N, C-alpha and C. Protein backbone atom coordinates (compact mmCIF):
# COMPACT_ATOMS: atom_id res chain seq x y z
N UNK A 1 119.29 -61.02 197.09
CA UNK A 1 118.86 -60.25 195.63
C UNK A 1 117.80 -59.14 196.06
N UNK A 2 117.95 -58.07 195.18
CA UNK A 2 116.83 -57.09 195.55
C UNK A 2 116.15 -56.85 194.15
N UNK A 3 114.99 -56.19 194.33
CA UNK A 3 114.27 -55.84 193.15
C UNK A 3 114.56 -54.41 192.64
N UNK A 4 115.23 -54.71 191.37
CA UNK A 4 115.79 -53.31 190.91
C UNK A 4 114.75 -52.65 190.09
N UNK A 5 113.60 -53.45 189.48
CA UNK A 5 112.74 -52.95 188.69
C UNK A 5 111.40 -53.63 189.00
N UNK A 6 110.27 -52.80 189.05
CA UNK A 6 108.78 -53.54 189.13
C UNK A 6 108.23 -53.32 187.70
N UNK A 7 108.26 -54.28 186.88
CA UNK A 7 107.57 -53.91 185.57
C UNK A 7 106.04 -53.98 185.42
N UNK A 8 105.40 -53.37 184.40
CA UNK A 8 103.95 -53.45 184.26
C UNK A 8 103.50 -54.89 183.83
N UNK A 9 104.42 -55.57 183.07
CA UNK A 9 104.18 -56.91 182.62
C UNK A 9 105.61 -57.56 182.55
N UNK A 10 105.41 -59.04 182.14
CA UNK A 10 106.46 -59.79 181.86
C UNK A 10 107.47 -59.32 180.91
N UNK A 11 106.75 -58.86 179.74
CA UNK A 11 107.74 -58.22 178.50
C UNK A 11 108.47 -57.28 178.77
N UNK A 12 108.17 -56.07 179.60
CA UNK A 12 108.95 -55.00 180.03
C UNK A 12 109.83 -55.48 180.88
N UNK A 13 109.50 -56.44 181.81
CA UNK A 13 110.68 -56.97 182.63
C UNK A 13 111.70 -57.69 182.04
N UNK A 14 111.49 -58.46 180.89
CA UNK A 14 112.41 -58.86 180.21
C UNK A 14 113.40 -57.90 179.35
N UNK A 15 112.82 -56.86 178.90
CA UNK A 15 113.39 -55.87 178.27
C UNK A 15 114.32 -55.05 179.25
N UNK A 16 113.86 -54.81 180.24
CA UNK A 16 114.74 -54.16 181.50
C UNK A 16 116.04 -55.34 181.83
N UNK A 17 115.52 -56.35 182.01
CA UNK A 17 116.57 -57.63 182.26
C UNK A 17 117.84 -57.58 181.31
N UNK A 18 117.30 -57.47 179.79
CA UNK A 18 118.22 -57.50 178.88
C UNK A 18 119.13 -56.14 178.92
N UNK A 19 118.57 -55.04 179.25
CA UNK A 19 119.26 -53.99 179.24
C UNK A 19 120.27 -54.09 180.46
N UNK A 20 119.98 -54.53 181.60
CA UNK A 20 121.01 -54.71 182.67
C UNK A 20 121.98 -55.70 182.27
N UNK A 21 121.60 -56.98 181.78
CA UNK A 21 122.43 -58.05 181.37
C UNK A 21 123.50 -57.57 180.44
N UNK A 22 122.96 -56.48 179.21
CA UNK A 22 124.02 -56.01 178.55
C UNK A 22 125.42 -55.02 179.02
N UNK A 23 124.79 -54.63 180.39
CA UNK A 23 125.88 -53.87 181.02
C UNK A 23 126.49 -54.77 181.98
N UNK A 24 126.31 -56.15 181.90
CA UNK A 24 127.24 -57.00 182.77
C UNK A 24 126.53 -57.17 184.05
N UNK A 25 125.29 -57.07 184.48
CA UNK A 25 124.51 -57.35 185.67
C UNK A 25 123.80 -58.44 185.45
N UNK A 26 123.98 -59.29 186.36
CA UNK A 26 123.13 -60.59 186.16
C UNK A 26 121.85 -60.27 186.64
N UNK A 27 120.82 -60.85 186.27
CA UNK A 27 119.37 -60.62 186.64
C UNK A 27 118.69 -62.00 186.76
N UNK A 28 117.43 -61.64 187.48
CA UNK A 28 116.58 -62.57 187.54
C UNK A 28 115.15 -62.37 187.40
N UNK A 29 114.31 -62.67 186.42
CA UNK A 29 112.83 -62.11 186.39
C UNK A 29 112.08 -62.79 187.03
N UNK A 30 111.05 -62.43 187.92
CA UNK A 30 110.21 -63.21 188.68
C UNK A 30 108.78 -62.81 187.88
N UNK A 31 108.00 -63.68 187.88
CA UNK A 31 106.50 -63.59 187.54
C UNK A 31 106.12 -64.41 186.11
N UNK A 32 107.35 -64.89 185.45
CA UNK A 32 107.26 -65.70 184.41
C UNK A 32 106.15 -66.63 184.22
N UNK A 33 106.01 -67.42 185.23
CA UNK A 33 105.01 -68.63 185.37
C UNK A 33 103.64 -68.10 185.63
N UNK A 34 103.53 -67.03 186.37
CA UNK A 34 102.02 -66.52 186.54
C UNK A 34 101.35 -65.91 185.12
N UNK A 35 102.06 -65.49 184.16
CA UNK A 35 101.70 -65.12 182.81
C UNK A 35 100.44 -66.20 182.44
N UNK A 36 100.96 -67.60 182.54
CA UNK A 36 100.03 -68.65 182.12
C UNK A 36 98.85 -68.76 182.94
N UNK A 37 99.00 -68.65 184.29
CA UNK A 37 97.90 -68.54 185.23
C UNK A 37 97.02 -67.57 184.79
N UNK A 38 97.40 -66.41 184.39
CA UNK A 38 96.60 -65.31 184.20
C UNK A 38 96.04 -65.20 182.57
N UNK A 39 96.62 -66.23 181.86
CA UNK A 39 96.08 -66.16 180.52
C UNK A 39 96.72 -64.66 179.92
N UNK A 40 95.86 -63.90 178.99
CA UNK A 40 96.20 -62.78 178.14
C UNK A 40 96.23 -61.81 179.19
N UNK A 41 95.69 -61.80 180.35
CA UNK A 41 95.59 -60.68 181.21
C UNK A 41 96.87 -60.25 181.81
N UNK A 42 97.32 -58.97 181.83
CA UNK A 42 98.69 -58.75 182.45
C UNK A 42 98.60 -58.98 183.72
N UNK A 43 99.80 -59.47 184.19
CA UNK A 43 100.11 -59.78 185.52
C UNK A 43 100.79 -58.82 186.30
N UNK A 44 100.19 -57.44 186.46
CA UNK A 44 100.55 -56.18 187.15
C UNK A 44 101.09 -56.79 188.49
N UNK A 45 102.09 -56.21 188.99
CA UNK A 45 102.62 -56.39 190.26
C UNK A 45 103.61 -57.72 190.52
N UNK A 46 103.42 -58.57 189.61
CA UNK A 46 104.29 -59.87 189.91
C UNK A 46 105.52 -59.88 188.97
N UNK A 47 105.66 -59.01 187.87
CA UNK A 47 106.77 -58.95 187.19
C UNK A 47 107.75 -58.12 187.82
N UNK A 48 108.92 -58.71 188.41
CA UNK A 48 109.98 -58.07 188.79
C UNK A 48 111.48 -58.31 188.31
N UNK A 49 112.30 -57.44 188.29
CA UNK A 49 113.51 -57.67 188.03
C UNK A 49 114.53 -57.67 189.05
N UNK A 50 115.23 -58.74 189.38
CA UNK A 50 116.00 -58.93 190.84
C UNK A 50 117.17 -58.83 190.45
N UNK A 51 118.26 -58.06 191.00
CA UNK A 51 119.90 -58.11 190.90
C UNK A 51 120.31 -58.40 192.23
N UNK A 52 121.61 -58.95 192.07
CA UNK A 52 122.49 -59.16 193.46
C UNK A 52 122.46 -57.81 194.16
N UNK A 53 122.79 -57.88 195.55
CA UNK A 53 123.08 -56.80 196.29
C UNK A 53 124.04 -55.83 195.86
N UNK A 54 125.08 -56.47 195.46
CA UNK A 54 126.19 -55.64 195.09
C UNK A 54 126.28 -55.03 193.90
N UNK A 55 125.11 -55.22 192.96
CA UNK A 55 124.77 -54.65 191.61
C UNK A 55 123.51 -53.69 191.80
N UNK A 56 123.01 -53.67 192.91
CA UNK A 56 121.78 -52.82 193.07
C UNK A 56 121.87 -51.55 192.49
N UNK A 57 122.95 -50.73 193.05
CA UNK A 57 123.24 -49.23 193.01
C UNK A 57 123.47 -49.15 191.47
N UNK A 58 124.05 -49.73 190.74
CA UNK A 58 124.45 -49.55 189.24
C UNK A 58 123.18 -49.99 188.43
N UNK A 59 122.47 -50.96 188.91
CA UNK A 59 121.09 -51.31 188.22
C UNK A 59 120.19 -50.33 188.25
N UNK A 60 119.98 -49.65 189.56
CA UNK A 60 119.09 -48.70 189.88
C UNK A 60 119.32 -47.39 188.87
N UNK A 61 120.63 -47.09 188.67
CA UNK A 61 121.07 -46.14 187.84
C UNK A 61 120.73 -46.20 186.38
N UNK A 62 120.88 -47.42 186.08
CA UNK A 62 120.53 -47.81 184.51
C UNK A 62 119.00 -47.88 184.48
N UNK A 63 118.27 -48.25 185.54
CA UNK A 63 116.86 -48.26 185.30
C UNK A 63 116.34 -46.79 185.19
N UNK A 64 116.77 -46.00 186.07
CA UNK A 64 116.34 -44.60 186.09
C UNK A 64 116.73 -43.93 184.72
N UNK A 65 117.71 -44.35 183.99
CA UNK A 65 118.09 -43.77 182.71
C UNK A 65 116.87 -44.43 181.69
N UNK A 66 116.64 -45.30 182.07
CA UNK A 66 115.64 -46.23 180.94
C UNK A 66 114.17 -45.63 181.29
N UNK A 67 113.92 -45.15 182.59
CA UNK A 67 112.65 -44.66 182.79
C UNK A 67 112.65 -43.33 182.27
N UNK A 68 113.51 -42.64 182.36
CA UNK A 68 113.75 -41.25 181.93
C UNK A 68 113.42 -40.94 180.38
N UNK A 69 113.81 -42.18 179.59
CA UNK A 69 113.94 -42.20 178.32
C UNK A 69 112.42 -42.30 177.70
N UNK A 70 111.44 -43.00 178.72
CA UNK A 70 110.19 -43.36 178.27
C UNK A 70 109.18 -42.01 178.24
N UNK A 71 108.14 -42.29 177.26
CA UNK A 71 107.28 -41.10 177.10
C UNK A 71 106.48 -41.13 178.28
N UNK A 72 105.75 -40.14 178.62
CA UNK A 72 105.00 -40.02 180.05
C UNK A 72 104.11 -40.88 180.12
N UNK A 73 103.31 -41.23 178.92
CA UNK A 73 102.20 -42.20 179.11
C UNK A 73 102.79 -43.56 179.03
N UNK A 74 104.08 -44.00 178.91
CA UNK A 74 104.50 -45.23 179.13
C UNK A 74 105.09 -45.57 180.56
N UNK A 75 105.17 -44.47 181.27
CA UNK A 75 105.81 -44.78 182.39
C UNK A 75 104.65 -45.24 183.59
N UNK A 76 105.33 -46.04 184.23
CA UNK A 76 104.46 -46.84 185.53
C UNK A 76 104.38 -45.47 186.51
N UNK A 77 102.97 -45.44 186.91
CA UNK A 77 102.78 -44.47 187.89
C UNK A 77 102.30 -45.19 189.28
N UNK A 78 102.11 -46.40 189.40
CA UNK A 78 101.53 -47.10 190.51
C UNK A 78 102.73 -47.29 191.50
N UNK A 79 102.25 -47.21 192.76
CA UNK A 79 103.27 -47.33 193.61
C UNK A 79 103.45 -48.82 194.00
N UNK A 80 104.45 -48.92 195.15
CA UNK A 80 104.82 -50.47 195.72
C UNK A 80 103.37 -50.74 196.28
N UNK A 81 102.72 -50.02 196.99
CA UNK A 81 101.69 -50.09 197.86
C UNK A 81 100.31 -50.73 196.81
N UNK A 82 100.44 -50.05 195.76
CA UNK A 82 99.28 -50.44 194.91
C UNK A 82 99.64 -51.90 194.23
N UNK A 83 100.85 -51.98 193.84
CA UNK A 83 101.44 -53.42 193.29
C UNK A 83 100.89 -54.42 194.29
N UNK A 84 101.35 -54.13 195.43
CA UNK A 84 101.13 -55.29 196.53
C UNK A 84 99.54 -55.54 196.74
N UNK A 85 99.01 -54.52 196.57
CA UNK A 85 97.29 -54.58 196.75
C UNK A 85 96.72 -55.61 195.73
N UNK A 86 97.25 -55.34 194.50
CA UNK A 86 96.90 -56.15 193.22
C UNK A 86 97.21 -57.50 193.63
N UNK A 87 98.36 -57.77 193.86
CA UNK A 87 99.13 -59.24 194.02
C UNK A 87 98.29 -59.90 195.05
N UNK A 88 98.01 -59.09 196.22
CA UNK A 88 97.30 -59.81 197.26
C UNK A 88 96.10 -60.14 197.06
N UNK A 89 95.12 -59.24 196.17
CA UNK A 89 93.86 -59.61 195.73
C UNK A 89 93.73 -60.72 194.77
N UNK A 90 94.74 -60.74 193.91
CA UNK A 90 94.89 -61.96 192.98
C UNK A 90 95.13 -63.17 193.94
N UNK A 91 95.88 -63.54 194.74
CA UNK A 91 96.21 -64.35 195.51
C UNK A 91 94.89 -64.72 196.37
N UNK A 92 94.23 -63.71 196.89
CA UNK A 92 92.78 -64.09 197.76
C UNK A 92 91.88 -64.58 196.72
N UNK A 93 92.04 -64.15 195.66
CA UNK A 93 90.96 -64.66 194.53
C UNK A 93 91.18 -66.16 194.38
N UNK A 94 92.56 -66.55 194.39
CA UNK A 94 92.76 -67.81 193.92
C UNK A 94 92.52 -68.52 195.11
N UNK A 95 92.72 -68.08 196.40
CA UNK A 95 92.38 -68.90 197.66
C UNK A 95 90.82 -69.12 197.60
N UNK A 96 90.10 -68.15 197.61
CA UNK A 96 88.91 -68.43 197.49
C UNK A 96 88.17 -69.33 196.40
N UNK A 97 88.67 -69.29 195.30
CA UNK A 97 88.22 -70.22 194.22
C UNK A 97 88.56 -71.72 194.71
N UNK A 98 89.84 -71.80 195.11
CA UNK A 98 90.37 -73.27 195.70
C UNK A 98 89.20 -73.63 196.73
N UNK A 99 88.88 -72.83 197.61
CA UNK A 99 87.89 -73.14 198.70
C UNK A 99 86.53 -73.47 198.13
N UNK A 100 86.20 -72.75 197.12
CA UNK A 100 84.88 -73.18 196.24
C UNK A 100 84.96 -74.63 195.53
N UNK A 101 86.04 -74.78 194.99
CA UNK A 101 86.20 -76.02 194.27
C UNK A 101 86.46 -77.36 195.30
N UNK A 102 87.04 -76.99 196.42
CA UNK A 102 87.05 -77.95 197.58
C UNK A 102 85.62 -78.47 198.03
N UNK A 103 84.93 -77.15 198.35
CA UNK A 103 83.39 -77.51 198.83
C UNK A 103 82.76 -78.17 197.67
N UNK A 104 82.76 -77.88 196.60
CA UNK A 104 81.97 -78.67 195.47
C UNK A 104 82.47 -80.03 195.38
N UNK A 105 83.70 -80.34 195.48
CA UNK A 105 84.26 -81.70 195.18
C UNK A 105 84.06 -82.71 196.59
N UNK A 106 83.83 -82.00 197.53
CA UNK A 106 83.53 -82.60 198.88
C UNK A 106 82.20 -82.87 198.90
N UNK A 107 81.20 -82.42 198.31
CA UNK A 107 79.78 -82.64 198.52
C UNK A 107 79.17 -83.69 197.52
């Protein structure tokens, strides 16, 4: 599977997944379970729409049409590097929180 779309939040990921599924492309949305971990804060960088390798080209064409239909202020402007930076920062924060909790419980 390949990532056909990196959404700004889980809602947009499901919208794009629905668009692709309406065209007969099977999808998988990742990041759904992280919404509960983050609460009401958006999980930027974690919500992705995955498609099978053989559907990737068609899916990207549909995604590009979707992105072209958005108003400029609705478009996602961050790059994959920025998304990975936020994802890694979140995971590092969770790891540090876990270490602090272990230290407190161990003493």
